[in-house]
Amino acid sequence: MNPTLKKEIVKTFFQTLTDLKDQGKLEIFIRDFLTEEEMNQLTKRLAIIYWLRKKRDEENIAENLKVTKKEITEAIKLMEKDGIKAAIKNLEAEEWANVWAEKIKKFTKK
């Protein structure tokens, strides 16, 4: 593919995702756009990275997610990439916020 054309196509793809600001619309697009296998691969990859950050051992991850050692190794390689770090940081921040929201709810009900 022509490099200029490829750059434009990639730019258009990311702009399409950005324009789907509503989570529901984005979810519908992704589910329609990806095959079930592609969706499984991507979500498992993210889960592997997330669980590795939570210090789960590789055997536990492989057993629970039904993934291979190779898939885990590939996910480990991704963990130092800036985009992955940012995504995991956002997940962890949201998780932290949810934990505190629950604690505050319990405290205010007393």
N, C-alpha and C. Protein backbone atom coordinates (compact mmCIF):
# COMPACT_ATOMS: atom_id res chain seq x y z
N MET A 1 0.84 -1.18 0.00
CA MET A 1 0.00 0.00 0.00
C MET A 1 0.89 1.24 0.00
N ASN A 2 0.46 2.23 -0.70
CA ASN A 2 1.15 3.51 -0.75
C ASN A 2 1.24 4.08 0.68
N PRO A 3 2.43 4.49 1.13
CA PRO A 3 2.58 4.99 2.51
C PRO A 3 1.69 6.20 2.83
N THR A 4 1.51 7.09 1.87
CA THR A 4 0.65 8.26 2.09
C THR A 4 -0.80 7.83 2.26
N LEU A 5 -1.24 6.91 1.42
CA LEU A 5 -2.60 6.39 1.52
C LEU A 5 -2.79 5.67 2.85
N LYS A 6 -1.81 4.86 3.23
CA LYS A 6 -1.89 4.13 4.50
C LYS A 6 -2.02 5.10 5.67
N LYS A 7 -1.23 6.16 5.65
CA LYS A 7 -1.28 7.15 6.71
C LYS A 7 -2.67 7.78 6.81
N GLU A 8 -3.27 8.09 5.68
CA GLU A 8 -4.61 8.68 5.65
C GLU A 8 -5.67 7.70 6.15
N ILE A 9 -5.54 6.46 5.77
CA ILE A 9 -6.50 5.44 6.20
C ILE A 9 -6.42 5.25 7.71
N VAL A 10 -5.21 5.17 8.24
CA VAL A 10 -5.02 5.02 9.69
C VAL A 10 -5.57 6.24 10.42
N LYS A 11 -5.28 7.42 9.89
CA LYS A 11 -5.79 8.66 10.49
C LYS A 11 -7.32 8.65 10.52
N THR A 12 -7.93 8.23 9.43
CA THR A 12 -9.39 8.15 9.35
C THR A 12 -9.94 7.15 10.35
N PHE A 13 -9.29 6.02 10.50
CA PHE A 13 -9.72 5.01 11.46
C PHE A 13 -9.74 5.57 12.88
N PHE A 14 -8.63 6.20 13.28
CA PHE A 14 -8.56 6.75 14.62
C PHE A 14 -9.54 7.91 14.81
N GLN A 15 -9.75 8.70 13.78
CA GLN A 15 -10.73 9.78 13.88
C GLN A 15 -12.13 9.22 14.05
N THR A 16 -12.40 8.11 13.37
CA THR A 16 -13.71 7.45 13.52
C THR A 16 -13.92 7.02 14.96
N LEU A 17 -12.90 6.44 15.56
CA LEU A 17 -13.01 6.01 16.97
C LEU A 17 -13.19 7.22 17.89
N THR A 18 -12.43 8.26 17.64
CA THR A 18 -12.52 9.47 18.45
C THR A 18 -13.90 10.10 18.36
N ASP A 19 -14.47 10.11 17.17
CA ASP A 19 -15.78 10.73 16.96
C ASP A 19 -16.91 9.97 17.65
N LEU A 20 -16.69 8.69 17.93
CA LEU A 20 -17.70 7.90 18.63
C LEU A 20 -17.50 8.07 20.14
N LYS A 21 -17.77 9.26 20.61
CA LYS A 21 -17.49 9.62 22.00
C LYS A 21 -18.34 8.84 23.00
N ASP A 22 -19.54 8.50 22.63
CA ASP A 22 -20.44 7.77 23.49
C ASP A 22 -19.97 6.32 23.59
N GLN A 23 -19.82 5.80 24.81
CA GLN A 23 -19.33 4.44 25.00
C GLN A 23 -20.23 3.41 24.32
N GLY A 24 -21.53 3.63 24.37
CA GLY A 24 -22.46 2.70 23.75
C GLY A 24 -22.26 2.63 22.24
N LYS A 25 -22.11 3.78 21.61
CA LYS A 25 -21.88 3.82 20.15
C LYS A 25 -20.55 3.18 19.79
N LEU A 26 -19.53 3.47 20.59
CA LEU A 26 -18.21 2.88 20.34
C LEU A 26 -18.27 1.37 20.48
N GLU A 27 -18.96 0.89 21.50
CA GLU A 27 -19.08 -0.56 21.71
C GLU A 27 -19.79 -1.22 20.52
N ILE A 28 -20.87 -0.61 20.06
CA ILE A 28 -21.59 -1.15 18.91
C ILE A 28 -20.68 -1.20 17.69
N PHE A 29 -19.94 -0.13 17.44
CA PHE A 29 -19.02 -0.10 16.30
C PHE A 29 -17.97 -1.20 16.40
N ILE A 30 -17.33 -1.30 17.55
CA ILE A 30 -16.26 -2.29 17.72
C ILE A 30 -16.81 -3.70 17.56
N ARG A 31 -17.96 -3.98 18.15
CA ARG A 31 -18.55 -5.32 18.02
C ARG A 31 -18.95 -5.63 16.58
N ASP A 32 -19.40 -4.62 15.85
CA ASP A 32 -19.75 -4.82 14.44
C ASP A 32 -18.51 -4.93 13.56
N PHE A 33 -17.47 -4.19 13.91
CA PHE A 33 -16.28 -4.08 13.07
C PHE A 33 -15.34 -5.27 13.23
N LEU A 34 -15.17 -5.74 14.46
CA LEU A 34 -14.25 -6.85 14.72
C LEU A 34 -14.99 -8.18 14.68
N THR A 35 -14.25 -9.21 14.31
CA THR A 35 -14.82 -10.55 14.42
C THR A 35 -14.80 -10.94 15.90
N GLU A 36 -15.53 -11.97 16.24
CA GLU A 36 -15.55 -12.43 17.62
C GLU A 36 -14.14 -12.84 18.06
N GLU A 37 -13.41 -13.49 17.17
CA GLU A 37 -12.04 -13.91 17.49
C GLU A 37 -11.12 -12.70 17.71
N GLU A 38 -11.23 -11.67 16.88
CA GLU A 38 -10.42 -10.46 17.06
C GLU A 38 -10.75 -9.80 18.40
N MET A 39 -12.03 -9.74 18.72
CA MET A 39 -12.46 -9.14 19.99
C MET A 39 -11.90 -9.94 21.16
N ASN A 40 -11.96 -11.27 21.08
CA ASN A 40 -11.41 -12.12 22.14
C ASN A 40 -9.92 -11.89 22.31
N GLN A 41 -9.19 -11.82 21.20
CA GLN A 41 -7.75 -11.61 21.27
C GLN A 41 -7.41 -10.29 21.95
N LEU A 42 -8.09 -9.23 21.56
CA LEU A 42 -7.79 -7.92 22.12
C LEU A 42 -8.17 -7.83 23.60
N THR A 43 -9.34 -8.33 23.95
CA THR A 43 -9.76 -8.24 25.34
C THR A 43 -8.92 -9.13 26.25
N LYS A 44 -8.54 -10.30 25.76
CA LYS A 44 -7.67 -11.17 26.56
C LYS A 44 -6.29 -10.54 26.74
N ARG A 45 -5.79 -9.90 25.69
CA ARG A 45 -4.47 -9.25 25.79
C ARG A 45 -4.51 -8.17 26.87
N LEU A 46 -5.56 -7.39 26.88
CA LEU A 46 -5.69 -6.35 27.90
C LEU A 46 -5.82 -6.97 29.29
N ALA A 47 -6.60 -8.04 29.41
CA ALA A 47 -6.77 -8.72 30.70
C ALA A 47 -5.45 -9.30 31.19
N ILE A 48 -4.67 -9.88 30.29
CA ILE A 48 -3.35 -10.43 30.67
C ILE A 48 -2.49 -9.33 31.26
N ILE A 49 -2.41 -8.20 30.56
CA ILE A 49 -1.58 -7.09 31.01
C ILE A 49 -2.07 -6.58 32.37
N TYR A 50 -3.38 -6.42 32.49
CA TYR A 50 -3.96 -5.93 33.74
C TYR A 50 -3.64 -6.87 34.89
N TRP A 51 -3.83 -8.17 34.69
CA TRP A 51 -3.56 -9.14 35.75
C TRP A 51 -2.08 -9.26 36.08
N LEU A 52 -1.22 -9.11 35.09
CA LEU A 52 0.21 -9.11 35.37
C LEU A 52 0.56 -7.92 36.27
N ARG A 53 -0.05 -6.77 35.99
CA ARG A 53 0.18 -5.58 36.83
C ARG A 53 -0.33 -5.81 38.26
N LYS A 54 -1.34 -6.66 38.40
CA LYS A 54 -1.88 -6.99 39.72
C LYS A 54 -1.11 -8.12 40.38
N LYS A 55 0.00 -8.51 39.75
CA LYS A 55 0.91 -9.53 40.30
C LYS A 55 0.34 -10.95 40.28
N ARG A 56 -0.61 -11.21 39.40
CA ARG A 56 -1.07 -12.60 39.25
C ARG A 56 0.02 -13.37 38.53
N ASP A 57 0.19 -14.64 38.89
CA ASP A 57 1.22 -15.42 38.23
C ASP A 57 0.72 -15.91 36.87
N GLU A 58 1.67 -16.20 36.01
CA GLU A 58 1.36 -16.55 34.63
C GLU A 58 0.51 -17.82 34.53
N GLU A 59 0.74 -18.77 35.41
CA GLU A 59 -0.04 -20.01 35.39
C GLU A 59 -1.51 -19.72 35.69
N ASN A 60 -1.75 -18.87 36.65
CA ASN A 60 -3.12 -18.49 37.01
C ASN A 60 -3.80 -17.77 35.83
N ILE A 61 -3.08 -16.88 35.20
CA ILE A 61 -3.61 -16.14 34.05
C ILE A 61 -3.94 -17.10 32.91
N ALA A 62 -3.00 -18.00 32.60
CA ALA A 62 -3.21 -18.96 31.52
C ALA A 62 -4.43 -19.82 31.77
N GLU A 63 -4.58 -20.27 33.00
CA GLU A 63 -5.70 -21.14 33.36
C GLU A 63 -7.04 -20.39 33.29
N ASN A 64 -7.09 -19.21 33.85
CA ASN A 64 -8.35 -18.46 33.91
C ASN A 64 -8.78 -17.88 32.57
N LEU A 65 -7.83 -17.40 31.79
CA LEU A 65 -8.16 -16.78 30.51
C LEU A 65 -8.08 -17.74 29.33
N LYS A 66 -7.59 -18.95 29.61
CA LYS A 66 -7.41 -19.94 28.54
C LYS A 66 -6.52 -19.38 27.43
N VAL A 67 -5.34 -18.89 27.86
CA VAL A 67 -4.36 -18.35 26.93
C VAL A 67 -3.08 -19.17 27.02
N THR A 68 -2.26 -19.04 26.00
CA THR A 68 -0.99 -19.78 25.94
C THR A 68 0.13 -18.96 26.56
N LYS A 69 1.21 -19.63 26.84
CA LYS A 69 2.42 -18.97 27.34
C LYS A 69 2.89 -17.93 26.32
N LYS A 70 2.76 -18.24 25.04
CA LYS A 70 3.17 -17.32 23.99
C LYS A 70 2.34 -16.03 24.05
N GLU A 71 1.03 -16.16 24.27
CA GLU A 71 0.17 -14.97 24.37
C GLU A 71 0.57 -14.11 25.57
N ILE A 72 0.93 -14.76 26.65
CA ILE A 72 1.36 -14.03 27.85
C ILE A 72 2.69 -13.32 27.57
N THR A 73 3.61 -14.01 26.94
CA THR A 73 4.90 -13.42 26.60
C THR A 73 4.73 -12.21 25.69
N GLU A 74 3.84 -12.32 24.71
CA GLU A 74 3.57 -11.20 23.81
C GLU A 74 2.98 -10.02 24.57
N ALA A 75 2.10 -10.30 25.51
CA ALA A 75 1.49 -9.22 26.31
C ALA A 75 2.54 -8.55 27.20
N ILE A 76 3.45 -9.35 27.74
CA ILE A 76 4.52 -8.79 28.58
C ILE A 76 5.34 -7.78 27.79
N LYS A 77 5.62 -8.09 26.54
CA LYS A 77 6.39 -7.17 25.68
C LYS A 77 5.67 -5.84 25.49
N LEU A 78 4.36 -5.87 25.52
CA LEU A 78 3.57 -4.65 25.31
C LEU A 78 3.52 -3.75 26.54
N MET A 79 3.78 -4.30 27.70
CA MET A 79 3.56 -3.58 28.95
C MET A 79 4.38 -2.30 29.10
N GLU A 80 5.50 -2.20 28.41
CA GLU A 80 6.34 -1.01 28.54
C GLU A 80 6.04 0.05 27.48
N LYS A 81 5.09 -0.22 26.63
CA LYS A 81 4.73 0.76 25.60
C LYS A 81 3.87 1.87 26.23
N ASP A 82 4.11 3.09 25.79
CA ASP A 82 3.45 4.26 26.39
C ASP A 82 1.93 4.18 26.34
N GLY A 83 1.39 3.74 25.22
CA GLY A 83 -0.07 3.66 25.09
C GLY A 83 -0.67 2.65 26.05
N ILE A 84 0.01 1.54 26.22
CA ILE A 84 -0.46 0.51 27.16
C ILE A 84 -0.37 1.03 28.58
N LYS A 85 0.74 1.67 28.90
CA LYS A 85 0.89 2.24 30.25
C LYS A 85 -0.23 3.23 30.55
N ALA A 86 -0.55 4.08 29.60
CA ALA A 86 -1.61 5.08 29.80
C ALA A 86 -2.96 4.41 29.99
N ALA A 87 -3.24 3.39 29.19
CA ALA A 87 -4.53 2.69 29.30
C ALA A 87 -4.65 2.00 30.65
N ILE A 88 -3.61 1.32 31.08
CA ILE A 88 -3.64 0.62 32.37
C ILE A 88 -3.75 1.63 33.52
N LYS A 89 -3.05 2.74 33.40
CA LYS A 89 -3.13 3.78 34.42
C LYS A 89 -4.58 4.27 34.55
N ASN A 90 -5.25 4.45 33.43
CA ASN A 90 -6.66 4.87 33.45
C ASN A 90 -7.54 3.80 34.10
N LEU A 91 -7.30 2.54 33.75
CA LEU A 91 -8.07 1.45 34.37
C LEU A 91 -7.88 1.42 35.88
N GLU A 92 -6.64 1.55 36.30
CA GLU A 92 -6.34 1.51 37.73
C GLU A 92 -6.94 2.71 38.46
N ALA A 93 -6.92 3.87 37.82
CA ALA A 93 -7.52 5.07 38.43
C ALA A 93 -9.02 4.89 38.58
N GLU A 94 -9.65 4.33 37.57
CA GLU A 94 -11.10 4.10 37.63
C GLU A 94 -11.43 3.08 38.72
N GLU A 95 -10.61 2.04 38.80
CA GLU A 95 -10.80 1.03 39.83
C GLU A 95 -10.68 1.65 41.22
N TRP A 96 -9.67 2.47 41.42
CA TRP A 96 -9.46 3.15 42.69
C TRP A 96 -10.65 4.04 43.02
N ALA A 97 -11.13 4.80 42.04
CA ALA A 97 -12.27 5.69 42.25
C ALA A 97 -13.52 4.89 42.63
N ASN A 98 -13.72 3.76 41.99
CA ASN A 98 -14.89 2.92 42.31
C ASN A 98 -14.82 2.38 43.73
N VAL A 99 -13.63 1.98 44.15
CA VAL A 99 -13.46 1.46 45.52
C VAL A 99 -13.81 2.56 46.52
N TRP A 100 -13.30 3.76 46.30
CA TRP A 100 -13.58 4.85 47.23
C TRP A 100 -15.03 5.30 47.17
N ALA A 101 -15.63 5.25 46.01
CA ALA A 101 -17.05 5.60 45.89
C ALA A 101 -17.89 4.66 46.74
N GLU A 102 -17.56 3.37 46.72
CA GLU A 102 -18.28 2.39 47.54
C GLU A 102 -18.07 2.65 49.03
N LYS A 103 -16.84 2.98 49.40
CA LYS A 103 -16.55 3.27 50.81
C LYS A 103 -17.34 4.49 51.27
N ILE A 104 -17.41 5.50 50.44
CA ILE A 104 -18.14 6.72 50.79
C ILE A 104 -19.63 6.42 50.91
N LYS A 105 -20.15 5.60 50.00
CA LYS A 105 -21.58 5.22 50.09
C LYS A 105 -21.88 4.54 51.42
N LYS A 106 -21.01 3.60 51.81
CA LYS A 106 -21.21 2.88 53.07
C LYS A 106 -21.13 3.83 54.26
N PHE A 107 -20.18 4.76 54.21
CA PHE A 107 -20.00 5.71 55.30
C PHE A 107 -21.20 6.64 55.43
N THR A 108 -21.74 7.10 54.32
CA THR A 108 -22.86 8.05 54.36
C THR A 108 -24.18 7.39 54.72
N LYS A 109 -24.27 6.06 54.61
CA LYS A 109 -25.50 5.34 54.97
C LYS A 109 -25.61 5.11 56.46
N LYS A 110 -24.51 5.28 57.18
CA LYS A 110 -24.52 5.03 58.64
C LYS A 110 -25.19 6.14 59.37
